[in-house]
């Protein structure tokens, strides 16, 4: 990928990719996945090292990045919050300048989006946002790769996000409207996406040909839709709000009744799931569930991303 337009670039937001770059990256991920399933093992980045700077624990994010880098021929070093204390024990800019001397690329899973932004500002190697409170762009790549596999070309598809207008929703909305999809979100008042994010999504929709619809009724959002998506109502760091959120989101659940309102809708969830709250277990295991392909696609999408930035 010596000629990749993403070479040497950081990836902090879905907005960092233009429409063509996003579609090309998804196609590249699809091609890599097909080669992988055919038993072809490309290792173009032998000797390269990925640094994983995590303020939050994870299952899919850490393992998918480590496996992706291994498949590219490289290795990974995981640095936990206890080892770094980024922003507390160690200044963020100090961390960025030090680890840039060791790593060829950095993947950061942080609380505040400003931390990953500061890392990228001071690092001399590409920084990938593996999750922040503002966005989860790598998740959005895996999501659209999954929609493409199950439903075909993205333009003209519709996706309904049922739940909190959080970082996952923001990145997914940006990705959807960039590729010509309709993004619907059903959330209680007070839990919609931040206004600055909505403005960015609407601006991207004008360029990409997609659209944004915000409603409070899950049934309205789900009717005739191609994809149903949800996330937990209480994310890491919001534990003190759990009881209030459980009350606010009562009824915002993807169950079989909601699935039946869609147009043969597939079901996605970024995991972990709280069964009986935002989704029922039977739907997650049902014939319309693409959740497990979606989880696998974190690795394929991130392998494509790493290959292009390295």
C-alpha atoms as a PDB file:
ATOM      1  CA  UNK A   1       0.000   0.000   0.000  1.00  0.00           C
ATOM      2  CA  UNK A   2       2.908   2.353  -0.720  1.00  0.00           C
ATOM      3  CA  UNK A   3       0.590   4.491  -2.814  1.00  0.00           C
ATOM      4  CA  UNK A   4      -2.186   4.673  -0.238  1.00  0.00           C
ATOM      5  CA  UNK A   5      -3.633   8.177   0.222  1.00  0.00           C
ATOM      6  CA  UNK A   6      -3.960   7.339   3.938  1.00  0.00           C
ATOM      7  CA  UNK A   7      -0.263   6.580   4.394  1.00  0.00           C
ATOM      8  CA  UNK A   8       1.136   8.374   7.436  1.00  0.00           C
ATOM      9  CA  UNK A   9      -2.225   9.913   8.353  1.00  0.00           C
ATOM     10  CA  UNK A  10      -3.966   9.722  11.708  1.00  0.00           C
ATOM     11  CA  UNK A  11      -7.582   8.523  11.918  1.00  0.00           C
ATOM     12  CA  UNK A  12      -9.446  10.216  14.753  1.00  0.00           C
ATOM     13  CA  UNK A  13     -12.886  10.661  13.200  1.00  0.00           C
ATOM     14  CA  UNK A  14     -14.912   9.303  10.322  1.00  0.00           C
ATOM     15  CA  UNK A  15     -14.711  12.875   9.016  1.00  0.00           C
ATOM     16  CA  UNK A  16     -10.975  12.343   8.445  1.00  0.00           C
ATOM     17  CA  UNK A  17     -11.892  10.286   5.366  1.00  0.00           C
ATOM     18  CA  UNK A  18     -13.605  11.741   2.332  1.00  0.00           C
ATOM     19  CA  UNK A  19     -16.389   9.783   0.661  1.00  0.00           C
ATOM     20  CA  UNK A  20     -14.103   8.079  -1.864  1.00  0.00           C
ATOM     21  CA  UNK A  21     -11.484   7.165   0.741  1.00  0.00           C
ATOM     22  CA  UNK A  22     -14.134   5.610   2.972  1.00  0.00           C
ATOM     23  CA  UNK A  23     -15.612   3.497   0.183  1.00  0.00           C
ATOM     24  CA  UNK A  24     -12.154   2.457  -1.040  1.00  0.00           C
ATOM     25  CA  UNK A  25     -11.143   1.450   2.489  1.00  0.00           C
ATOM     26  CA  UNK A  26     -14.278  -0.691   2.855  1.00  0.00           C
ATOM     27  CA  UNK A  27     -13.579  -2.355  -0.490  1.00  0.00           C
ATOM     28  CA  UNK A  28      -9.974  -3.009   0.533  1.00  0.00           C
ATOM     29  CA  UNK A  29     -11.178  -4.546   3.825  1.00  0.00           C
ATOM     30  CA  UNK A  30     -13.602  -6.749   1.888  1.00  0.00           C
ATOM     31  CA  UNK A  31     -10.802  -7.889  -0.434  1.00  0.00           C
ATOM     32  CA  UNK A  32      -8.478  -8.644   2.485  1.00  0.00           C
ATOM     33  CA  UNK A  33     -11.208 -10.654   4.200  1.00  0.00           C
ATOM     34  CA  UNK A  34     -11.832 -12.745   1.079  1.00  0.00           C
ATOM     35  CA  UNK A  35      -8.102 -13.475   0.746  1.00  0.00           C
ATOM     36  CA  UNK A  36      -7.911 -14.366   4.437  1.00  0.00           C
ATOM     37  CA  UNK A  37     -10.845 -16.765   4.146  1.00  0.00           C
ATOM     38  CA  UNK A  38      -9.173 -18.337   1.113  1.00  0.00           C
ATOM     39  CA  UNK A  39      -6.112 -19.081   3.233  1.00  0.00           C
ATOM     40  CA  UNK A  40      -3.923 -16.363   1.709  1.00  0.00           C
ATOM     41  CA  UNK A  41      -1.760 -14.696   4.363  1.00  0.00           C
ATOM     42  CA  UNK A  42      -0.295 -11.349   3.318  1.00  0.00           C
ATOM     43  CA  UNK A  43       2.393 -10.043   5.696  1.00  0.00           C
ATOM     44  CA  UNK A  44       3.484  -6.707   4.193  1.00  0.00           C
ATOM     45  CA  UNK A  45       4.511  -5.039   7.466  1.00  0.00           C
ATOM     46  CA  UNK A  46       7.033  -7.444   8.948  1.00  0.00           C
ATOM     47  CA  UNK A  47       8.917  -5.759  11.784  1.00  0.00           C
ATOM     48  CA  UNK A  48       6.393  -2.949  12.304  1.00  0.00           C
ATOM     49  CA  UNK A  49       5.071  -2.383  15.836  1.00  0.00           C
ATOM     50  CA  UNK A  50       1.635  -1.175  16.937  1.00  0.00           C
ATOM     51  CA  UNK A  51       1.355   0.560  20.304  1.00  0.00           C
ATOM     52  CA  UNK A  52      -1.960   0.112  22.137  1.00  0.00           C
ATOM     53  CA  UNK A  53      -2.479   2.971  24.616  1.00  0.00           C
ATOM     54  CA  UNK A  54      -5.641   2.140  26.561  1.00  0.00           C
ATOM     55  CA  UNK A  55      -7.352   4.097  29.330  1.00  0.00           C
ATOM     56  CA  UNK A  56     -10.321   1.700  29.143  1.00  0.00           C
ATOM     57  CA  UNK A  57     -10.336  -2.118  29.187  1.00  0.00           C
ATOM     58  CA  UNK A  58     -11.714  -3.953  26.169  1.00  0.00           C
ATOM     59  CA  UNK A  59     -12.347  -7.308  24.541  1.00  0.00           C
ATOM     60  CA  UNK A  60     -12.938  -6.692  20.825  1.00  0.00           C
ATOM     61  CA  UNK A  61     -10.846  -3.543  20.428  1.00  0.00           C
ATOM     62  CA  UNK A  62      -7.639  -4.909  21.907  1.00  0.00           C
ATOM     63  CA  UNK A  63      -7.837  -8.398  20.433  1.00  0.00           C
ATOM     64  CA  UNK A  64      -8.976  -7.257  16.978  1.00  0.00           C
ATOM     65  CA  UNK A  65      -6.106  -4.760  16.715  1.00  0.00           C
ATOM     66  CA  UNK A  66      -3.524  -7.257  17.968  1.00  0.00           C
ATOM     67  CA  UNK A  67      -4.706  -9.987  15.602  1.00  0.00           C
ATOM     68  CA  UNK A  68      -4.940  -7.542  12.687  1.00  0.00           C
ATOM     69  CA  UNK A  69      -1.361  -6.396  13.246  1.00  0.00           C
ATOM     70  CA  UNK A  70      -0.146  -9.979  13.564  1.00  0.00           C
ATOM     71  CA  UNK A  71      -1.782 -10.865  10.251  1.00  0.00           C
ATOM     72  CA  UNK A  72       0.093  -7.968   8.644  1.00  0.00           C
ATOM     73  CA  UNK A  73       3.346  -9.468   9.921  1.00  0.00           C
ATOM     74  CA  UNK A  74       3.851  -6.943  12.714  1.00  0.00           C
ATOM     75  CA  UNK A  75       3.677  -7.068  16.493  1.00  0.00           C
ATOM     76  CA  UNK A  76       1.832  -5.129  19.215  1.00  0.00           C
ATOM     77  CA  UNK A  77       2.645  -3.750  22.642  1.00  0.00           C
ATOM     78  CA  UNK A  78      -0.251  -3.174  25.061  1.00  0.00           C
ATOM     79  CA  UNK A  79       0.038  -0.381  27.637  1.00  0.00           C
ATOM     80  CA  UNK A  80      -2.661  -0.377  30.320  1.00  0.00           C
ATOM     81  CA  UNK A  81      -3.879   2.638  32.322  1.00  0.00           C
ATOM     82  CA  UNK A  82      -1.849   1.472  35.336  1.00  0.00           C
ATOM     83  CA  UNK A  83       1.362   1.423  33.312  1.00  0.00           C
ATOM     84  CA  UNK A  84       1.009   4.837  31.675  1.00  0.00           C
ATOM     85  CA  UNK A  85      -1.379   7.034  33.680  1.00  0.00           C
ATOM     86  CA  UNK A  86      -1.793   9.195  30.591  1.00  0.00           C
ATOM     87  CA  UNK A  87      -2.860  12.707  31.527  1.00  0.00           C
ATOM     88  CA  UNK A  88      -2.107  12.066  35.211  1.00  0.00           C
ATOM     89  CA  UNK A  89       1.200  10.331  35.874  1.00  0.00           C
ATOM     90  CA  UNK A  90       2.461  11.240  32.402  1.00  0.00           C
ATOM     91  CA  UNK A  91       1.557  14.319  30.336  1.00  0.00           C
ATOM     92  CA  UNK A  92      -0.204  13.372  27.107  1.00  0.00           C
ATOM     93  CA  UNK A  93       2.282  15.207  24.887  1.00  0.00           C
ATOM     94  CA  UNK A  94       5.196  13.531  26.709  1.00  0.00           C
ATOM     95  CA  UNK A  95       3.637  10.120  26.094  1.00  0.00           C
ATOM     96  CA  UNK A  96       3.128  10.931  22.410  1.00  0.00           C
ATOM     97  CA  UNK A  97       6.713  12.056  21.867  1.00  0.00           C
ATOM     98  CA  UNK A  98       8.211   9.094  23.739  1.00  0.00           C
ATOM     99  CA  UNK A  99       6.181   6.241  22.229  1.00  0.00           C
ATOM    100  CA  UNK A 100       6.593   7.679  18.724  1.00  0.00           C
ATOM    101  CA  UNK A 101      10.253   6.657  19.080  1.00  0.00           C
ATOM    102  CA  UNK A 102       9.204   3.028  19.668  1.00  0.00           C
ATOM    103  CA  UNK A 103       6.074   2.427  17.599  1.00  0.00           C
ATOM    104  CA  UNK A 104       5.198   2.725  13.914  1.00  0.00           C
ATOM    105  CA  UNK A 105       1.518   3.402  14.649  1.00  0.00           C
ATOM    106  CA  UNK A 106      -0.511   4.065  17.802  1.00  0.00           C
ATOM    107  CA  UNK A 107      -4.043   2.933  18.634  1.00  0.00           C
ATOM    108  CA  UNK A 108      -5.548   4.850  21.581  1.00  0.00           C
ATOM    109  CA  UNK A 109      -8.686   3.949  23.546  1.00  0.00           C
ATOM    110  CA  UNK A 110      -9.415   6.916  25.808  1.00  0.00           C
ATOM    111  CA  UNK A 111     -12.103   8.709  27.747  1.00  0.00           C
ATOM    112  CA  UNK A 112     -11.922  12.308  26.473  1.00  0.00           C
ATOM    113  CA  UNK A 113     -11.640  12.928  22.744  1.00  0.00           C
ATOM    114  CA  UNK A 114      -9.211  15.770  23.470  1.00  0.00           C
ATOM    115  CA  UNK A 115      -6.653  13.173  24.632  1.00  0.00           C
ATOM    116  CA  UNK A 116      -6.530  11.323  21.337  1.00  0.00           C
ATOM    117  CA  UNK A 117      -6.421  14.678  19.535  1.00  0.00           C
ATOM    118  CA  UNK A 118      -3.452  15.780  21.662  1.00  0.00           C
ATOM    119  CA  UNK A 119      -1.708  12.462  21.067  1.00  0.00           C
ATOM    120  CA  UNK A 120      -2.024  12.905  17.304  1.00  0.00           C
ATOM    121  CA  UNK A 121      -0.850  16.516  17.517  1.00  0.00           C
ATOM    122  CA  UNK A 122       2.420  15.567  19.231  1.00  0.00           C
ATOM    123  CA  UNK A 123       3.099  12.092  17.829  1.00  0.00           C
ATOM    124  CA  UNK A 124       5.362  11.653  14.815  1.00  0.00           C
ATOM    125  CA  UNK A 125       3.556   8.447  13.763  1.00  0.00           C
ATOM    126  CA  UNK A 126      -0.102   7.893  12.824  1.00  0.00           C
ATOM    127  CA  UNK A 127      -2.614   7.760  15.686  1.00  0.00           C
ATOM    128  CA  UNK A 128      -5.851   5.761  15.389  1.00  0.00           C
ATOM    129  CA  UNK A 129      -8.835   6.536  17.594  1.00  0.00           C
ATOM    130  CA  UNK A 130      -9.818   3.146  19.003  1.00  0.00           C
ATOM    131  CA  UNK A 131     -12.601   4.856  21.022  1.00  0.00           C
ATOM    132  CA  UNK A 132     -13.145   8.205  22.698  1.00  0.00           C
ATOM    133  CA  UNK A 133     -16.168   9.863  24.260  1.00  0.00           C
ATOM    134  CA  UNK A 134     -16.622  11.754  20.992  1.00  0.00           C
ATOM    135  CA  UNK A 135     -16.366   8.985  18.400  1.00  0.00           C
ATOM    136  CA  UNK A 136     -15.761   5.297  17.735  1.00  0.00           C
ATOM    137  CA  UNK A 137     -14.695   5.448  14.074  1.00  0.00           C
ATOM    138  CA  UNK A 138     -13.161   1.960  13.819  1.00  0.00           C
ATOM    139  CA  UNK A 139     -16.473   0.482  14.938  1.00  0.00           C
ATOM    140  CA  UNK A 140     -18.237   2.368  12.143  1.00  0.00           C
ATOM    141  CA  UNK A 141     -15.878   0.848   9.565  1.00  0.00           C
ATOM    142  CA  UNK A 142     -16.745  -2.662  10.762  1.00  0.00           C
ATOM    143  CA  UNK A 143     -20.442  -1.777  10.834  1.00  0.00           C
ATOM    144  CA  UNK A 144     -20.588  -0.633   7.211  1.00  0.00           C
ATOM    145  CA  UNK A 145     -18.455  -3.569   6.079  1.00  0.00           C
ATOM    146  CA  UNK A 146     -21.089  -5.825   7.672  1.00  0.00           C
ATOM    147  CA  UNK A 147     -24.030  -3.961   6.123  1.00  0.00           C
ATOM    148  CA  UNK A 148     -22.337  -4.215   2.734  1.00  0.00           C
ATOM    149  CA  UNK A 149     -21.883  -7.986   3.126  1.00  0.00           C
ATOM    150  CA  UNK A 150     -25.470  -8.617   4.175  1.00  0.00           C
ATOM    151  CA  UNK A 151     -27.387  -5.989   2.196  1.00  0.00           C
ATOM    152  CA  UNK A 152     -25.212  -5.086  -0.806  1.00  0.00           C
ATOM    153  CA  UNK A 153     -24.241  -1.573  -1.974  1.00  0.00           C
ATOM    154  CA  UNK A 154     -24.634   1.011   0.776  1.00  0.00           C
ATOM    155  CA  UNK A 155     -26.191   3.876  -1.166  1.00  0.00           C
ATOM    156  CA  UNK A 156     -29.945   3.938  -0.626  1.00  0.00           C
ATOM    157  CA  UNK A 157     -29.879   1.666   2.439  1.00  0.00           C
ATOM    158  CA  UNK A 158     -31.480   2.842   5.685  1.00  0.00           C
ATOM    159  CA  UNK A 159     -30.233   2.229   9.227  1.00  0.00           C
ATOM    160  CA  UNK A 160     -32.112   2.897  12.467  1.00  0.00           C
ATOM    161  CA  UNK A 161     -30.089   3.375  15.640  1.00  0.00           C
ATOM    162  CA  UNK A 162     -32.278   2.693  18.682  1.00  0.00           C
ATOM    163  CA  UNK A 163     -30.849   4.243  21.834  1.00  0.00           C
ATOM    164  CA  UNK A 164     -28.416   6.818  23.167  1.00  0.00           C
ATOM    165  CA  UNK A 165     -26.917   9.366  20.766  1.00  0.00           C
ATOM    166  CA  UNK A 166     -23.432   8.437  21.937  1.00  0.00           C
ATOM    167  CA  UNK A 167     -19.977   8.169  20.346  1.00  0.00           C
ATOM    168  CA  UNK A 168     -20.965   5.010  18.447  1.00  0.00           C
ATOM    169  CA  UNK A 169     -24.048   6.725  17.025  1.00  0.00           C
ATOM    170  CA  UNK A 170     -22.070   9.799  15.949  1.00  0.00           C
ATOM    171  CA  UNK A 171     -19.406   7.848  14.031  1.00  0.00           C
ATOM    172  CA  UNK A 172     -22.001   5.549  12.493  1.00  0.00           C
ATOM    173  CA  UNK A 173     -24.155   8.482  11.410  1.00  0.00           C
ATOM    174  CA  UNK A 174     -21.175  10.195   9.765  1.00  0.00           C
ATOM    175  CA  UNK A 175     -20.248   6.986   7.942  1.00  0.00           C
ATOM    176  CA  UNK A 176     -23.808   6.307   6.808  1.00  0.00           C
ATOM    177  CA  UNK A 177     -24.531   9.737   5.342  1.00  0.00           C
ATOM    178  CA  UNK A 178     -21.106   9.841   3.663  1.00  0.00           C
ATOM    179  CA  UNK A 179     -21.980   6.671   1.750  1.00  0.00           C
ATOM    180  CA  UNK A 180     -25.474   7.780   0.729  1.00  0.00           C
ATOM    181  CA  UNK A 181     -27.421   5.971   3.453  1.00  0.00           C
ATOM    182  CA  UNK A 182     -30.328   7.234   5.526  1.00  0.00           C
ATOM    183  CA  UNK A 183     -29.445   7.307   9.224  1.00  0.00           C
ATOM    184  CA  UNK A 184     -32.377   7.314  11.640  1.00  0.00           C
ATOM    185  CA  UNK A 185     -31.976   7.626  15.382  1.00  0.00           C
ATOM    186  CA  UNK A 186     -34.703   7.053  17.976  1.00  0.00           C
ATOM    187  CA  UNK A 187     -33.791   8.354  21.410  1.00  0.00           C
ATOM    188  CA  UNK A 188     -35.621  10.020  24.309  1.00  0.00           C
ATOM    189  CA  UNK A 189     -35.418  13.781  24.464  1.00  0.00           C
ATOM    190  CA  UNK A 190     -32.222  14.765  26.193  1.00  0.00           C
ATOM    191  CA  UNK A 191     -30.311  11.810  24.756  1.00  0.00           C
ATOM    192  CA  UNK A 192     -29.939  12.830  21.124  1.00  0.00           C
ATOM    193  CA  UNK A 193     -26.542  13.378  19.570  1.00  0.00           C
ATOM    194  CA  UNK A 194     -24.675  16.605  20.486  1.00  0.00           C
ATOM    195  CA  UNK A 195     -25.654  19.591  18.365  1.00  0.00           C
ATOM    196  CA  UNK A 196     -22.140  20.084  16.975  1.00  0.00           C
ATOM    197  CA  UNK A 197     -22.130  16.453  15.871  1.00  0.00           C
ATOM    198  CA  UNK A 198     -25.548  16.862  14.229  1.00  0.00           C
ATOM    199  CA  UNK A 199     -24.260  19.860  12.285  1.00  0.00           C
ATOM    200  CA  UNK A 200     -21.234  17.859  11.097  1.00  0.00           C
ATOM    201  CA  UNK A 201     -23.473  14.940  10.071  1.00  0.00           C
ATOM    202  CA  UNK A 202     -25.823  17.212   8.132  1.00  0.00           C
ATOM    203  CA  UNK A 203     -22.867  18.810   6.341  1.00  0.00           C
ATOM    204  CA  UNK A 204     -21.535  15.371   5.374  1.00  0.00           C
ATOM    205  CA  UNK A 205     -25.019  14.337   4.233  1.00  0.00           C
ATOM    206  CA  UNK A 206     -25.075  17.174   1.721  1.00  0.00           C
ATOM    207  CA  UNK A 207     -21.790  15.954   0.255  1.00  0.00           C
ATOM    208  CA  UNK A 208     -22.490  12.222   0.395  1.00  0.00           C
ATOM    209  CA  UNK A 209     -26.152  12.169  -0.528  1.00  0.00           C
ATOM    210  CA  UNK A 210     -27.329  10.567   2.710  1.00  0.00           C
ATOM    211  CA  UNK A 211     -29.808  11.911   5.255  1.00  0.00           C
ATOM    212  CA  UNK A 212     -30.372  12.202   9.003  1.00  0.00           C
ATOM    213  CA  UNK A 213     -33.705  11.641  10.768  1.00  0.00           C
ATOM    214  CA  UNK A 214     -34.121  12.098  14.543  1.00  0.00           C
ATOM    215  CA  UNK A 215     -37.268  10.842  16.292  1.00  0.00           C
ATOM    216  CA  UNK A 216     -38.313   9.721  19.769  1.00  0.00           C
ATOM    217  CA  UNK A 217     -40.429   6.707  18.730  1.00  0.00           C
ATOM    218  CA  UNK A 218     -38.470   3.466  18.097  1.00  0.00           C
ATOM    219  CA  UNK A 219     -41.324   2.040  16.035  1.00  0.00           C
ATOM    220  CA  UNK A 220     -41.286   5.045  13.728  1.00  0.00           C
ATOM    221  CA  UNK A 221     -37.539   4.661  13.195  1.00  0.00           C
ATOM    222  CA  UNK A 222     -37.761   0.897  12.619  1.00  0.00           C
ATOM    223  CA  UNK A 223     -40.609   0.871  10.119  1.00  0.00           C
ATOM    224  CA  UNK A 224     -39.371  -0.162   6.666  1.00  0.00           C
ATOM    225  CA  UNK A 225     -35.714   0.064   7.677  1.00  0.00           C
ATOM    226  CA  UNK A 226     -32.937  -2.187   6.311  1.00  0.00           C
ATOM    227  CA  UNK A 227     -30.697  -2.259   9.384  1.00  0.00           C
ATOM    228  CA  UNK A 228     -31.498  -2.066  13.112  1.00  0.00           C
ATOM    229  CA  UNK A 229     -28.662  -1.108  15.446  1.00  0.00           C
ATOM    230  CA  UNK A 230     -28.340  -0.620  19.186  1.00  0.00           C
ATOM    231  CA  UNK A 231     -25.780  -0.139  21.951  1.00  0.00           C
ATOM    232  CA  UNK A 232     -25.871  -0.318  25.735  1.00  0.00           C
ATOM    233  CA  UNK A 233     -27.724   2.537  27.413  1.00  0.00           C
ATOM    234  CA  UNK A 234     -25.047   3.054  30.061  1.00  0.00           C
ATOM    235  CA  UNK A 235     -21.487   3.181  28.769  1.00  0.00           C
ATOM    236  CA  UNK A 236     -18.273   2.864  30.753  1.00  0.00           C
ATOM    237  CA  UNK A 237     -17.907   5.952  32.937  1.00  0.00           C
ATOM    238  CA  UNK A 238     -21.681   6.548  33.168  1.00  0.00           C
ATOM    239  CA  UNK A 239     -22.404   4.048  35.947  1.00  0.00           C
ATOM    240  CA  UNK A 240     -23.740   6.758  38.285  1.00  0.00           C
ATOM    241  CA  UNK A 241     -26.466   7.516  35.720  1.00  0.00           C
ATOM    242  CA  UNK A 242     -27.579   3.912  35.296  1.00  0.00           C
ATOM    243  CA  UNK A 243     -30.934   4.059  37.112  1.00  0.00           C
ATOM    244  CA  UNK A 244     -31.934   7.310  35.417  1.00  0.00           C
ATOM    245  CA  UNK A 245     -30.978   5.917  32.033  1.00  0.00           C
ATOM    246  CA  UNK A 246     -32.882   2.679  32.591  1.00  0.00           C
ATOM    247  CA  UNK A 247     -36.028   4.734  33.183  1.00  0.00           C
ATOM    248  CA  UNK A 248     -35.426   7.076  30.241  1.00  0.00           C
ATOM    249  CA  UNK A 249     -34.795   4.256  27.744  1.00  0.00           C
ATOM    250  CA  UNK A 250     -37.570   1.918  28.868  1.00  0.00           C
ATOM    251  CA  UNK A 251     -39.182   0.607  25.674  1.00  0.00           C
ATOM    252  CA  UNK A 252     -36.160   1.331  23.453  1.00  0.00           C
ATOM    253  CA  UNK A 253     -35.430  -2.339  22.937  1.00  0.00           C
ATOM    254  CA  UNK A 254     -34.794  -4.292  19.772  1.00  0.00           C
ATOM    255  CA  UNK A 255     -37.104  -7.268  20.161  1.00  0.00           C
ATOM    256  CA  UNK A 256     -38.776  -9.458  17.560  1.00  0.00           C
ATOM    257  CA  UNK A 257     -41.724  -7.066  17.280  1.00  0.00           C
ATOM    258  CA  UNK A 258     -39.389  -4.210  16.299  1.00  0.00           C
ATOM    259  CA  UNK A 259     -37.433  -6.423  13.879  1.00  0.00           C
ATOM    260  CA  UNK A 260     -40.683  -7.370  12.143  1.00  0.00           C
ATOM    261  CA  UNK A 261     -41.345  -3.676  11.366  1.00  0.00           C
ATOM    262  CA  UNK A 262     -38.253  -3.498   9.177  1.00  0.00           C
ATOM    263  CA  UNK A 263     -37.691  -4.472   5.566  1.00  0.00           C
ATOM    264  CA  UNK A 264     -36.043  -7.839   6.291  1.00  0.00           C
ATOM    265  CA  UNK A 265     -33.830  -5.784   8.580  1.00  0.00           C
ATOM    266  CA  UNK A 266     -30.546  -7.168   9.822  1.00  0.00           C
ATOM    267  CA  UNK A 267     -29.627  -6.507  13.450  1.00  0.00           C
ATOM    268  CA  UNK A 268     -26.335  -5.032  14.683  1.00  0.00           C
ATOM    269  CA  UNK A 269     -24.923  -4.407  18.158  1.00  0.00           C
ATOM    270  CA  UNK A 270     -21.380  -3.194  18.894  1.00  0.00           C
ATOM    271  CA  UNK A 271     -21.250  -5.224  22.145  1.00  0.00           C
ATOM    272  CA  UNK A 272     -21.084  -5.863  25.040  1.00  0.00           C
ATOM    273  CA  UNK A 273     -24.843  -6.378  25.312  1.00  0.00           C
ATOM    274  CA  UNK A 274     -27.172  -6.077  28.283  1.00  0.00           C
ATOM    275  CA  UNK A 275     -29.799  -8.629  27.278  1.00  0.00           C
ATOM    276  CA  UNK A 276     -33.317  -7.642  28.239  1.00  0.00           C
ATOM    277  CA  UNK A 277     -32.447  -3.935  28.148  1.00  0.00           C
ATOM    278  CA  UNK A 278     -31.477  -2.654  24.678  1.00  0.00           C
ATOM    279  CA  UNK A 279     -31.868  -6.022  22.902  1.00  0.00           C
ATOM    280  CA  UNK A 280     -33.338  -9.437  23.577  1.00  0.00           C
ATOM    281  CA  UNK A 281     -31.123 -12.498  23.567  1.00  0.00           C
ATOM    282  CA  UNK A 282     -33.334 -14.331  21.067  1.00  0.00           C
ATOM    283  CA  UNK A 283     -32.984 -11.526  18.506  1.00  0.00           C
ATOM    284  CA  UNK A 284     -29.204 -11.487  18.959  1.00  0.00           C
ATOM    285  CA  UNK A 285     -29.155 -15.200  18.077  1.00  0.00           C
ATOM    286  CA  UNK A 286     -31.867 -15.022  15.438  1.00  0.00           C
ATOM    287  CA  UNK A 287     -31.648 -15.406  11.649  1.00  0.00           C
ATOM    288  CA  UNK A 288     -31.477 -11.631  11.065  1.00  0.00           C
ATOM    289  CA  UNK A 289     -28.594 -11.113  13.489  1.00  0.00           C
ATOM    290  CA  UNK A 290     -25.336 -10.013  11.877  1.00  0.00           C
ATOM    291  CA  UNK A 291     -23.777  -9.211  15.257  1.00  0.00           C
ATOM    292  CA  UNK A 292     -21.119 -11.928  15.171  1.00  0.00           C
ATOM    293  CA  UNK A 293     -20.008 -11.059  11.626  1.00  0.00           C
ATOM    294  CA  UNK A 294     -19.890  -7.447  12.811  1.00  0.00           C
ATOM    295  CA  UNK A 295     -17.593  -8.386  15.706  1.00  0.00           C
ATOM    296  CA  UNK A 296     -15.293 -10.352  13.369  1.00  0.00           C
ATOM    297  CA  UNK A 297     -15.211  -7.440  10.943  1.00  0.00           C
ATOM    298  CA  UNK A 298     -13.538  -5.230  13.532  1.00  0.00           C
ATOM    299  CA  UNK A 299     -10.382  -7.197  12.786  1.00  0.00           C
ATOM    300  CA  UNK A 300     -10.737  -7.080   8.989  1.00  0.00           C
ATOM    301  CA  UNK A 301     -11.592  -3.360   8.862  1.00  0.00           C
ATOM    302  CA  UNK A 302      -8.735  -2.461  11.197  1.00  0.00           C
ATOM    303  CA  UNK A 303      -6.301  -4.618   9.251  1.00  0.00           C
ATOM    304  CA  UNK A 304      -7.188  -2.648   6.146  1.00  0.00           C
ATOM    305  CA  UNK A 305      -6.821   0.635   8.019  1.00  0.00           C
ATOM    306  CA  UNK A 306      -3.442  -0.318   9.528  1.00  0.00           C
ATOM    307  CA  UNK A 307      -2.174  -1.546   6.152  1.00  0.00           C
ATOM    308  CA  UNK A 308      -3.059   1.762   4.527  1.00  0.00           C
ATOM    309  CA  UNK A 309      -1.662   4.109   7.174  1.00  0.00           C
ATOM    310  CA  UNK A 310       1.619   2.170   7.566  1.00  0.00           C
END
